[in-house]
Amino acid sequence: LDKSKLIKMTNFDQKYKVAVFSETTLHRFKNFKNFILSSSAEKFFLEKPLSNSLNEVNLILKLAEKHNLKKKIQVNLIRRQWPHIKTIKEFCDKEEDFTLTVNGGSLGLGCNGVHFIDNLIHFSNEECPKIKWVEICKDRVNSGRGKEFIDFGGNFILKTKKGTLFCSLSSKSSANAIMTIR
């Protein structure tokens, strides 16, 4: 498919059950905007990251608010549906506090680290975490999916009232990711 033609696709003039946007971030906002201006869907799934630009992320949010889509949109949070994550959530719901530790290799903060951040948010009953400490690696994390998928490694600590996430996804590490919960 010629990527330059993606943003020219405007004949979506139908109603859909589900609209899935899993293209690269280069055309995400324009495709999303073209779709909702000419069609509708009961549910939207958007791949993360939403954009490489904070400005575009804000434009996506404003467009979703303007068209009353906030409750219809889900960003790639599929891991919440995994049986072991549901079980861990049930355990965390019964605890006063918990610590989530992730030691991993060069997985990339945007590509994989965001899922562990979502675990903390999910286990903390949707509370937005505070950043306690962060260190971004200078070296890039390359992806087998192509040059446009460059990411960075890093280490960080995030805290909610109920949980703490210690995450080490160093770009120089070759370790497999391991998540532990206390």
N, C-alpha and C. Protein backbone atom coordinates (compact mmCIF):
# COMPACT_ATOMS: atom_id res chain seq x y z
N LEU A 1 0.85 -1.18 0.00
CA LEU A 1 0.00 0.00 0.00
C LEU A 1 0.89 1.24 0.00
N ASP A 2 0.61 2.15 -0.87
CA ASP A 2 1.38 3.40 -0.95
C ASP A 2 0.98 4.30 0.21
N LYS A 3 1.91 4.54 1.15
CA LYS A 3 1.61 5.31 2.36
C LYS A 3 1.15 6.73 2.03
N SER A 4 1.59 7.30 0.92
CA SER A 4 1.19 8.67 0.58
C SER A 4 -0.30 8.76 0.28
N LYS A 5 -0.93 7.64 -0.06
CA LYS A 5 -2.36 7.66 -0.37
C LYS A 5 -3.23 7.46 0.86
N LEU A 6 -2.66 7.08 1.98
CA LEU A 6 -3.45 6.80 3.17
C LEU A 6 -4.30 7.99 3.61
N ILE A 7 -3.72 9.17 3.61
CA ILE A 7 -4.48 10.33 4.09
C ILE A 7 -5.50 10.81 3.07
N LYS A 8 -5.49 10.26 1.85
CA LYS A 8 -6.44 10.66 0.83
C LYS A 8 -7.69 9.79 0.85
N MET A 9 -7.69 8.76 1.68
CA MET A 9 -8.84 7.87 1.75
C MET A 9 -9.93 8.55 2.57
N THR A 10 -10.97 9.04 1.92
CA THR A 10 -12.02 9.77 2.63
C THR A 10 -13.41 9.20 2.38
N ASN A 11 -13.53 8.13 1.63
CA ASN A 11 -14.85 7.57 1.36
C ASN A 11 -15.22 6.52 2.41
N PHE A 12 -15.27 6.94 3.66
CA PHE A 12 -15.64 6.08 4.78
C PHE A 12 -17.11 6.26 5.14
N ASP A 13 -17.92 6.78 4.25
CA ASP A 13 -19.27 7.24 4.57
C ASP A 13 -20.22 6.11 4.98
N GLN A 14 -19.81 5.36 5.98
CA GLN A 14 -20.63 4.29 6.52
C GLN A 14 -20.53 4.30 8.04
N LYS A 15 -21.37 3.48 8.67
CA LYS A 15 -21.27 3.27 10.11
C LYS A 15 -20.62 1.92 10.33
N TYR A 16 -19.67 1.86 11.26
CA TYR A 16 -18.93 0.64 11.52
C TYR A 16 -19.08 0.23 12.98
N LYS A 17 -18.93 -1.05 13.25
CA LYS A 17 -18.91 -1.53 14.64
C LYS A 17 -17.60 -1.11 15.29
N VAL A 18 -16.48 -1.34 14.58
CA VAL A 18 -15.15 -1.06 15.12
C VAL A 18 -14.30 -0.40 14.05
N ALA A 19 -13.55 0.61 14.45
CA ALA A 19 -12.55 1.24 13.58
C ALA A 19 -11.19 1.05 14.24
N VAL A 20 -10.25 0.46 13.53
CA VAL A 20 -8.92 0.18 14.07
C VAL A 20 -7.90 1.02 13.33
N PHE A 21 -7.09 1.77 14.08
CA PHE A 21 -6.03 2.61 13.52
C PHE A 21 -4.70 2.07 14.02
N SER A 22 -4.05 1.26 13.19
CA SER A 22 -2.80 0.63 13.62
C SER A 22 -1.65 0.95 12.68
N GLU A 23 -1.82 1.99 11.87
CA GLU A 23 -0.75 2.42 10.99
C GLU A 23 0.34 3.12 11.79
N THR A 24 1.45 3.45 11.15
CA THR A 24 2.50 4.19 11.86
C THR A 24 1.97 5.58 12.22
N THR A 25 2.63 6.24 13.11
CA THR A 25 2.15 7.53 13.59
C THR A 25 2.18 8.63 12.54
N LEU A 26 2.90 8.43 11.46
CA LEU A 26 3.03 9.46 10.43
C LEU A 26 1.67 9.95 9.93
N HIS A 27 0.71 9.04 9.74
CA HIS A 27 -0.60 9.42 9.18
C HIS A 27 -1.75 9.25 10.18
N ARG A 28 -1.46 8.90 11.41
CA ARG A 28 -2.52 8.57 12.37
C ARG A 28 -3.53 9.69 12.55
N PHE A 29 -3.07 10.89 12.87
CA PHE A 29 -4.02 11.97 13.14
C PHE A 29 -4.87 12.28 11.91
N LYS A 30 -4.24 12.38 10.75
CA LYS A 30 -5.00 12.72 9.54
C LYS A 30 -6.02 11.64 9.19
N ASN A 31 -5.62 10.38 9.32
CA ASN A 31 -6.56 9.30 9.04
C ASN A 31 -7.71 9.28 10.05
N PHE A 32 -7.39 9.47 11.32
CA PHE A 32 -8.40 9.51 12.37
C PHE A 32 -9.38 10.65 12.12
N LYS A 33 -8.84 11.83 11.82
CA LYS A 33 -9.68 13.00 11.56
C LYS A 33 -10.56 12.78 10.33
N ASN A 34 -9.98 12.31 9.24
CA ASN A 34 -10.76 12.06 8.02
C ASN A 34 -11.88 11.07 8.28
N PHE A 35 -11.58 10.04 9.06
CA PHE A 35 -12.59 9.02 9.35
C PHE A 35 -13.75 9.60 10.15
N ILE A 36 -13.46 10.28 11.26
CA ILE A 36 -14.58 10.73 12.11
C ILE A 36 -15.35 11.90 11.51
N LEU A 37 -14.76 12.60 10.54
CA LEU A 37 -15.49 13.67 9.87
C LEU A 37 -16.43 13.12 8.79
N SER A 38 -16.23 11.87 8.38
CA SER A 38 -17.06 11.34 7.30
C SER A 38 -17.79 10.04 7.66
N SER A 39 -17.56 9.50 8.85
CA SER A 39 -18.16 8.23 9.21
C SER A 39 -18.33 8.14 10.72
N SER A 40 -18.69 6.95 11.18
CA SER A 40 -18.81 6.73 12.63
C SER A 40 -18.53 5.26 12.94
N ALA A 41 -18.22 5.02 14.20
CA ALA A 41 -17.98 3.67 14.68
C ALA A 41 -18.44 3.59 16.13
N GLU A 42 -18.83 2.39 16.55
CA GLU A 42 -19.24 2.20 17.94
C GLU A 42 -18.04 2.14 18.87
N LYS A 43 -16.91 1.69 18.35
CA LYS A 43 -15.70 1.54 19.16
C LYS A 43 -14.49 1.85 18.28
N PHE A 44 -13.46 2.48 18.89
CA PHE A 44 -12.22 2.80 18.19
C PHE A 44 -11.05 2.18 18.94
N PHE A 45 -10.16 1.54 18.21
CA PHE A 45 -8.91 1.04 18.77
C PHE A 45 -7.78 1.79 18.09
N LEU A 46 -6.95 2.49 18.89
CA LEU A 46 -5.82 3.23 18.37
C LEU A 46 -4.54 2.61 18.90
N GLU A 47 -3.62 2.31 17.99
CA GLU A 47 -2.32 1.76 18.39
C GLU A 47 -1.53 2.84 19.10
N LYS A 48 -0.72 2.45 20.04
CA LYS A 48 0.19 3.37 20.68
C LYS A 48 1.54 3.28 20.00
N PRO A 49 2.32 4.32 20.03
CA PRO A 49 1.99 5.65 20.52
C PRO A 49 1.01 6.33 19.58
N LEU A 50 0.21 7.24 20.11
CA LEU A 50 -0.76 7.95 19.27
C LEU A 50 -0.07 8.82 18.24
N SER A 51 1.07 9.39 18.61
CA SER A 51 1.80 10.26 17.69
C SER A 51 3.23 10.43 18.18
N ASN A 52 4.06 10.91 17.31
CA ASN A 52 5.42 11.31 17.71
C ASN A 52 5.44 12.77 18.14
N SER A 53 4.30 13.42 18.08
CA SER A 53 4.19 14.84 18.39
C SER A 53 3.17 15.05 19.51
N LEU A 54 3.57 15.73 20.58
CA LEU A 54 2.65 16.03 21.67
C LEU A 54 1.50 16.90 21.16
N ASN A 55 1.78 17.79 20.23
CA ASN A 55 0.74 18.63 19.64
C ASN A 55 -0.33 17.77 18.97
N GLU A 56 0.09 16.75 18.21
CA GLU A 56 -0.88 15.86 17.56
C GLU A 56 -1.67 15.04 18.56
N VAL A 57 -1.03 14.61 19.63
CA VAL A 57 -1.76 13.87 20.68
C VAL A 57 -2.87 14.76 21.22
N ASN A 58 -2.55 16.01 21.49
CA ASN A 58 -3.56 16.95 21.99
C ASN A 58 -4.67 17.18 20.97
N LEU A 59 -4.32 17.23 19.68
CA LEU A 59 -5.33 17.39 18.63
C LEU A 59 -6.25 16.17 18.57
N ILE A 60 -5.70 14.98 18.73
CA ILE A 60 -6.51 13.76 18.76
C ILE A 60 -7.48 13.82 19.94
N LEU A 61 -6.97 14.23 21.10
CA LEU A 61 -7.83 14.32 22.29
C LEU A 61 -8.94 15.35 22.10
N LYS A 62 -8.60 16.51 21.54
CA LYS A 62 -9.61 17.55 21.32
C LYS A 62 -10.67 17.09 20.32
N LEU A 63 -10.23 16.41 19.26
CA LEU A 63 -11.16 15.90 18.26
C LEU A 63 -12.09 14.85 18.87
N ALA A 64 -11.55 13.98 19.71
CA ALA A 64 -12.35 12.96 20.38
C ALA A 64 -13.37 13.61 21.32
N GLU A 65 -12.95 14.63 22.04
CA GLU A 65 -13.88 15.33 22.94
C GLU A 65 -14.97 16.03 22.15
N LYS A 66 -14.59 16.71 21.08
CA LYS A 66 -15.55 17.45 20.25
C LYS A 66 -16.63 16.54 19.68
N HIS A 67 -16.28 15.32 19.35
CA HIS A 67 -17.22 14.37 18.75
C HIS A 67 -17.74 13.34 19.76
N ASN A 68 -17.55 13.62 21.06
CA ASN A 68 -18.04 12.75 22.14
C ASN A 68 -17.60 11.29 21.97
N LEU A 69 -16.32 11.09 21.71
CA LEU A 69 -15.79 9.76 21.46
C LEU A 69 -14.94 9.22 22.61
N LYS A 70 -14.73 10.00 23.66
CA LYS A 70 -13.79 9.57 24.71
C LYS A 70 -14.09 8.19 25.28
N LYS A 71 -15.36 7.86 25.46
CA LYS A 71 -15.71 6.55 26.04
C LYS A 71 -15.73 5.45 24.99
N LYS A 72 -15.55 5.81 23.73
CA LYS A 72 -15.56 4.82 22.64
C LYS A 72 -14.15 4.44 22.19
N ILE A 73 -13.15 5.15 22.69
CA ILE A 73 -11.78 4.94 22.21
C ILE A 73 -10.97 4.16 23.24
N GLN A 74 -10.23 3.17 22.75
CA GLN A 74 -9.27 2.45 23.59
C GLN A 74 -7.94 2.43 22.87
N VAL A 75 -6.92 2.87 23.59
CA VAL A 75 -5.56 2.78 23.08
C VAL A 75 -5.05 1.40 23.46
N ASN A 76 -4.16 0.85 22.70
CA ASN A 76 -3.69 -0.53 22.85
C ASN A 76 -3.36 -0.89 24.31
N LEU A 77 -4.36 -1.36 25.01
CA LEU A 77 -4.20 -1.80 26.40
C LEU A 77 -4.62 -3.26 26.52
N ILE A 78 -4.37 -4.03 25.49
CA ILE A 78 -4.83 -5.41 25.41
C ILE A 78 -4.32 -6.26 26.58
N ARG A 79 -3.17 -5.90 27.13
CA ARG A 79 -2.62 -6.72 28.21
C ARG A 79 -3.55 -6.77 29.42
N ARG A 80 -4.42 -5.77 29.57
CA ARG A 80 -5.38 -5.79 30.68
C ARG A 80 -6.32 -6.99 30.60
N GLN A 81 -6.46 -7.56 29.42
CA GLN A 81 -7.36 -8.70 29.23
C GLN A 81 -6.67 -10.05 29.45
N TRP A 82 -5.36 -10.05 29.60
CA TRP A 82 -4.65 -11.31 29.81
C TRP A 82 -5.06 -11.89 31.17
N PRO A 83 -5.30 -13.20 31.23
CA PRO A 83 -5.76 -13.82 32.50
C PRO A 83 -4.84 -13.56 33.69
N HIS A 84 -3.53 -13.63 33.51
CA HIS A 84 -2.65 -13.43 34.67
C HIS A 84 -2.66 -11.97 35.13
N ILE A 85 -2.86 -11.03 34.22
CA ILE A 85 -2.95 -9.61 34.61
C ILE A 85 -4.25 -9.38 35.39
N LYS A 86 -5.33 -10.02 34.97
CA LYS A 86 -6.59 -9.92 35.72
C LYS A 86 -6.43 -10.47 37.13
N THR A 87 -5.71 -11.58 37.26
CA THR A 87 -5.47 -12.18 38.58
C THR A 87 -4.62 -11.25 39.45
N ILE A 88 -3.56 -10.70 38.87
CA ILE A 88 -2.71 -9.76 39.62
C ILE A 88 -3.52 -8.55 40.05
N LYS A 89 -4.38 -8.05 39.20
CA LYS A 89 -5.24 -6.90 39.54
C LYS A 89 -6.11 -7.24 40.75
N GLU A 90 -6.67 -8.44 40.77
CA GLU A 90 -7.49 -8.87 41.91
C GLU A 90 -6.67 -8.89 43.20
N PHE A 91 -5.43 -9.39 43.13
CA PHE A 91 -4.55 -9.38 44.30
C PHE A 91 -4.26 -7.95 44.75
N CYS A 92 -3.92 -7.07 43.79
CA CYS A 92 -3.58 -5.68 44.13
C CYS A 92 -4.77 -4.94 44.72
N ASP A 93 -5.98 -5.25 44.26
CA ASP A 93 -7.18 -4.60 44.80
C ASP A 93 -7.34 -4.87 46.29
N LYS A 94 -6.82 -6.01 46.77
CA LYS A 94 -6.95 -6.39 48.18
C LYS A 94 -5.81 -5.87 49.05
N GLU A 95 -4.80 -5.31 48.44
CA GLU A 95 -3.62 -4.86 49.18
C GLU A 95 -3.67 -3.36 49.46
N GLU A 96 -2.99 -2.95 50.54
CA GLU A 96 -2.86 -1.52 50.84
C GLU A 96 -1.82 -0.88 49.94
N ASP A 97 -0.75 -1.62 49.65
CA ASP A 97 0.26 -1.12 48.72
C ASP A 97 0.95 -2.29 48.03
N PHE A 98 1.58 -1.99 46.92
CA PHE A 98 2.31 -3.02 46.19
C PHE A 98 3.48 -2.36 45.46
N THR A 99 4.47 -3.18 45.15
CA THR A 99 5.63 -2.73 44.39
C THR A 99 5.76 -3.61 43.16
N LEU A 100 5.86 -2.98 42.03
CA LEU A 100 6.02 -3.66 40.74
C LEU A 100 7.44 -3.37 40.27
N THR A 101 8.21 -4.40 40.02
CA THR A 101 9.59 -4.24 39.57
C THR A 101 9.74 -4.90 38.20
N VAL A 102 10.29 -4.16 37.25
CA VAL A 102 10.52 -4.70 35.91
C VAL A 102 12.00 -4.55 35.59
N ASN A 103 12.65 -5.66 35.35
CA ASN A 103 14.04 -5.65 34.89
C ASN A 103 14.03 -6.23 33.49
N GLY A 104 14.53 -5.48 32.55
CA GLY A 104 14.45 -5.95 31.18
C GLY A 104 15.58 -5.46 30.31
N GLY A 105 15.55 -5.91 29.11
CA GLY A 105 16.56 -5.54 28.13
C GLY A 105 16.14 -4.32 27.35
N SER A 106 16.65 -4.24 26.16
CA SER A 106 16.41 -3.06 25.33
C SER A 106 15.06 -3.17 24.63
N LEU A 107 14.01 -3.10 25.42
CA LEU A 107 12.65 -3.22 24.90
C LEU A 107 12.10 -1.92 24.36
N GLY A 108 12.61 -0.82 24.81
CA GLY A 108 12.10 0.48 24.40
C GLY A 108 11.02 0.97 25.34
N LEU A 109 11.14 2.22 25.74
CA LEU A 109 10.16 2.80 26.65
C LEU A 109 8.81 2.98 25.98
N GLY A 110 8.81 3.46 24.73
CA GLY A 110 7.55 3.70 24.03
C GLY A 110 6.88 2.44 23.55
N CYS A 111 7.68 1.48 23.13
CA CYS A 111 7.12 0.26 22.54
C CYS A 111 6.63 -0.70 23.62
N ASN A 112 7.42 -0.92 24.66
CA ASN A 112 7.06 -1.90 25.68
C ASN A 112 6.94 -1.31 27.08
N GLY A 113 7.76 -0.32 27.41
CA GLY A 113 7.71 0.27 28.73
C GLY A 113 6.35 0.83 29.07
N VAL A 114 5.66 1.35 28.08
CA VAL A 114 4.35 1.93 28.29
C VAL A 114 3.36 0.88 28.81
N HIS A 115 3.55 -0.39 28.47
CA HIS A 115 2.65 -1.43 28.98
C HIS A 115 2.84 -1.65 30.48
N PHE A 116 4.07 -1.53 30.96
CA PHE A 116 4.31 -1.68 32.40
C PHE A 116 3.77 -0.47 33.15
N ILE A 117 3.86 0.71 32.54
CA ILE A 117 3.25 1.91 33.13
C ILE A 117 1.74 1.70 33.22
N ASP A 118 1.15 1.15 32.16
CA ASP A 118 -0.28 0.88 32.19
C ASP A 118 -0.63 -0.15 33.25
N ASN A 119 0.24 -1.16 33.45
CA ASN A 119 0.01 -2.12 34.54
C ASN A 119 -0.11 -1.39 35.87
N LEU A 120 0.82 -0.48 36.16
CA LEU A 120 0.77 0.28 37.41
C LEU A 120 -0.54 1.06 37.51
N ILE A 121 -0.92 1.75 36.45
CA ILE A 121 -2.16 2.53 36.47
C ILE A 121 -3.36 1.62 36.69
N HIS A 122 -3.40 0.50 35.97
CA HIS A 122 -4.51 -0.45 36.09
C HIS A 122 -4.58 -1.04 37.49
N PHE A 123 -3.45 -1.47 38.03
CA PHE A 123 -3.42 -2.07 39.37
C PHE A 123 -3.72 -1.03 40.45
N SER A 124 -3.53 0.26 40.12
CA SER A 124 -3.77 1.35 41.08
C SER A 124 -5.15 1.98 40.88
N ASN A 125 -6.03 1.26 40.22
CA ASN A 125 -7.41 1.73 40.00
C ASN A 125 -7.46 3.05 39.23
N GLU A 126 -6.67 3.12 38.17
CA GLU A 126 -6.66 4.22 37.20
C GLU A 126 -6.08 5.53 37.75
N GLU A 127 -5.36 5.46 38.85
CA GLU A 127 -4.72 6.66 39.38
C GLU A 127 -3.50 7.01 38.52
N CYS A 128 -3.37 8.28 38.19
CA CYS A 128 -2.23 8.75 37.39
C CYS A 128 -0.98 8.78 38.28
N PRO A 129 0.09 8.11 37.84
CA PRO A 129 1.30 8.07 38.68
C PRO A 129 2.11 9.36 38.61
N LYS A 130 2.88 9.57 39.66
CA LYS A 130 3.83 10.69 39.70
C LYS A 130 5.21 10.14 39.35
N ILE A 131 5.98 10.92 38.63
CA ILE A 131 7.35 10.52 38.27
C ILE A 131 8.26 10.86 39.44
N LYS A 132 8.92 9.86 39.99
CA LYS A 132 9.85 10.07 41.10
C LYS A 132 11.29 10.19 40.59
N TRP A 133 11.62 9.48 39.54
CA TRP A 133 12.98 9.52 39.00
C TRP A 133 12.96 8.93 37.59
N VAL A 134 13.75 9.50 36.69
CA VAL A 134 13.83 8.96 35.33
C VAL A 134 15.22 9.21 34.76
N GLU A 135 15.68 8.25 33.98
CA GLU A 135 16.95 8.36 33.28
C GLU A 135 16.74 7.75 31.89
N ILE A 136 16.92 8.54 30.85
CA ILE A 136 16.76 8.05 29.48
C ILE A 136 18.15 7.73 28.93
N CYS A 137 18.28 6.57 28.31
CA CYS A 137 19.56 6.16 27.72
C CYS A 137 19.82 6.95 26.43
N LYS A 138 21.06 7.27 26.20
CA LYS A 138 21.43 8.00 24.98
C LYS A 138 21.33 7.11 23.75
N ASP A 139 21.61 5.83 23.90
CA ASP A 139 21.59 4.90 22.77
C ASP A 139 20.15 4.60 22.37
N ARG A 140 19.95 4.48 21.07
CA ARG A 140 18.62 4.16 20.56
C ARG A 140 18.39 2.65 20.57
N VAL A 141 17.13 2.30 20.67
CA VAL A 141 16.71 0.90 20.59
C VAL A 141 16.11 0.71 19.20
N ASN A 142 16.74 -0.11 18.39
CA ASN A 142 16.24 -0.37 17.05
C ASN A 142 15.18 -1.46 17.07
N SER A 143 14.33 -1.44 16.08
CA SER A 143 13.26 -2.43 15.98
C SER A 143 13.37 -3.18 14.66
N GLY A 144 13.01 -4.43 14.68
CA GLY A 144 12.97 -5.22 13.47
C GLY A 144 11.83 -4.82 12.54
N ARG A 145 10.94 -3.95 13.04
CA ARG A 145 9.79 -3.52 12.22
C ARG A 145 10.16 -2.42 11.23
N GLY A 146 11.34 -1.82 11.36
CA GLY A 146 11.75 -0.79 10.41
C GLY A 146 12.37 0.41 11.09
N LYS A 147 12.99 1.26 10.28
CA LYS A 147 13.71 2.42 10.79
C LYS A 147 12.82 3.44 11.49
N GLU A 148 11.54 3.50 11.12
CA GLU A 148 10.64 4.48 11.74
C GLU A 148 10.22 4.10 13.14
N PHE A 149 10.65 2.93 13.63
CA PHE A 149 10.28 2.45 14.96
C PHE A 149 11.42 2.56 15.96
N ILE A 150 12.22 3.58 15.86
CA ILE A 150 13.33 3.77 16.79
C ILE A 150 12.77 4.22 18.15
N ASP A 151 13.34 3.68 19.20
CA ASP A 151 12.87 3.96 20.55
C ASP A 151 14.09 4.21 21.44
N PHE A 152 13.86 4.48 22.69
CA PHE A 152 14.94 4.69 23.65
C PHE A 152 14.72 3.80 24.86
N GLY A 153 15.81 3.38 25.47
CA GLY A 153 15.75 2.65 26.72
C GLY A 153 15.77 3.65 27.86
N GLY A 154 15.60 3.14 29.05
CA GLY A 154 15.63 4.03 30.20
C GLY A 154 15.27 3.31 31.49
N ASN A 155 15.40 4.04 32.57
CA ASN A 155 15.09 3.54 33.90
C ASN A 155 14.23 4.60 34.57
N PHE A 156 13.25 4.16 35.35
CA PHE A 156 12.39 5.15 36.00
C PHE A 156 11.69 4.55 37.21
N ILE A 157 11.22 5.45 38.07
CA ILE A 157 10.39 5.09 39.22
C ILE A 157 9.14 5.94 39.15
N LEU A 158 7.98 5.27 39.19
CA LEU A 158 6.69 5.94 39.21
C LEU A 158 5.96 5.54 40.48
N LYS A 159 5.15 6.44 41.02
CA LYS A 159 4.47 6.18 42.29
C LYS A 159 3.02 6.64 42.23
N THR A 160 2.14 5.79 42.70
CA THR A 160 0.75 6.16 42.97
C THR A 160 0.55 6.05 44.47
N LYS A 161 -0.63 6.39 44.97
CA LYS A 161 -0.89 6.24 46.41
C LYS A 161 -0.75 4.78 46.84
N LYS A 162 -1.08 3.88 45.94
CA LYS A 162 -1.13 2.47 46.28
C LYS A 162 0.07 1.67 45.79
N GLY A 163 0.70 2.10 44.70
CA GLY A 163 1.75 1.28 44.11
C GLY A 163 2.97 2.05 43.67
N THR A 164 4.07 1.32 43.52
CA THR A 164 5.33 1.87 43.03
C THR A 164 5.83 0.98 41.91
N LEU A 165 6.31 1.60 40.83
CA LEU A 165 6.89 0.86 39.72
C LEU A 165 8.36 1.24 39.59
N PHE A 166 9.23 0.25 39.74
CA PHE A 166 10.67 0.39 39.48
C PHE A 166 10.90 -0.29 38.13
N CYS A 167 11.32 0.45 37.13
CA CYS A 167 11.45 -0.13 35.80
C CYS A 167 12.84 0.15 35.24
N SER A 168 13.52 -0.90 34.79
CA SER A 168 14.83 -0.78 34.16
C SER A 168 14.76 -1.44 32.79
N LEU A 169 14.71 -0.59 31.76
CA LEU A 169 14.69 -1.06 30.37
C LEU A 169 15.87 -0.42 29.65
N SER A 170 17.05 -0.74 30.12
CA SER A 170 18.27 -0.13 29.59
C SER A 170 18.54 -0.56 28.16
N SER A 171 18.94 0.39 27.33
CA SER A 171 19.23 0.08 25.93
C SER A 171 20.49 -0.75 25.77
N LYS A 172 21.29 -0.87 26.81
CA LYS A 172 22.52 -1.66 26.74
C LYS A 172 22.36 -3.06 27.33
N SER A 173 21.19 -3.33 27.89
CA SER A 173 20.96 -4.62 28.53
C SER A 173 20.49 -5.67 27.52
N SER A 174 20.84 -6.90 27.76
CA SER A 174 20.36 -7.99 26.92
C SER A 174 19.42 -8.91 27.71
N ALA A 175 19.03 -8.50 28.89
CA ALA A 175 18.17 -9.34 29.75
C ALA A 175 16.77 -9.43 29.17
N ASN A 176 16.12 -10.55 29.40
CA ASN A 176 14.71 -10.68 29.07
C ASN A 176 13.90 -9.97 30.15
N ALA A 177 12.79 -9.39 29.77
CA ALA A 177 11.97 -8.66 30.74
C ALA A 177 11.36 -9.61 31.75
N ILE A 178 11.48 -9.24 33.01
CA ILE A 178 10.89 -10.01 34.11
C ILE A 178 10.16 -9.01 35.00
N MET A 179 8.88 -9.31 35.28
CA MET A 179 8.08 -8.45 36.14
C MET A 179 7.83 -9.19 37.45
N THR A 180 8.10 -8.54 38.57
CA THR A 180 7.81 -9.11 39.88
C THR A 180 6.91 -8.16 40.64
N ILE A 181 6.11 -8.70 41.53
CA ILE A 181 5.21 -7.89 42.35
C ILE A 181 5.34 -8.32 43.80
N ARG A 182 5.46 -7.32 44.65
CA ARG A 182 5.53 -7.56 46.09
C ARG A 182 4.36 -6.85 46.72
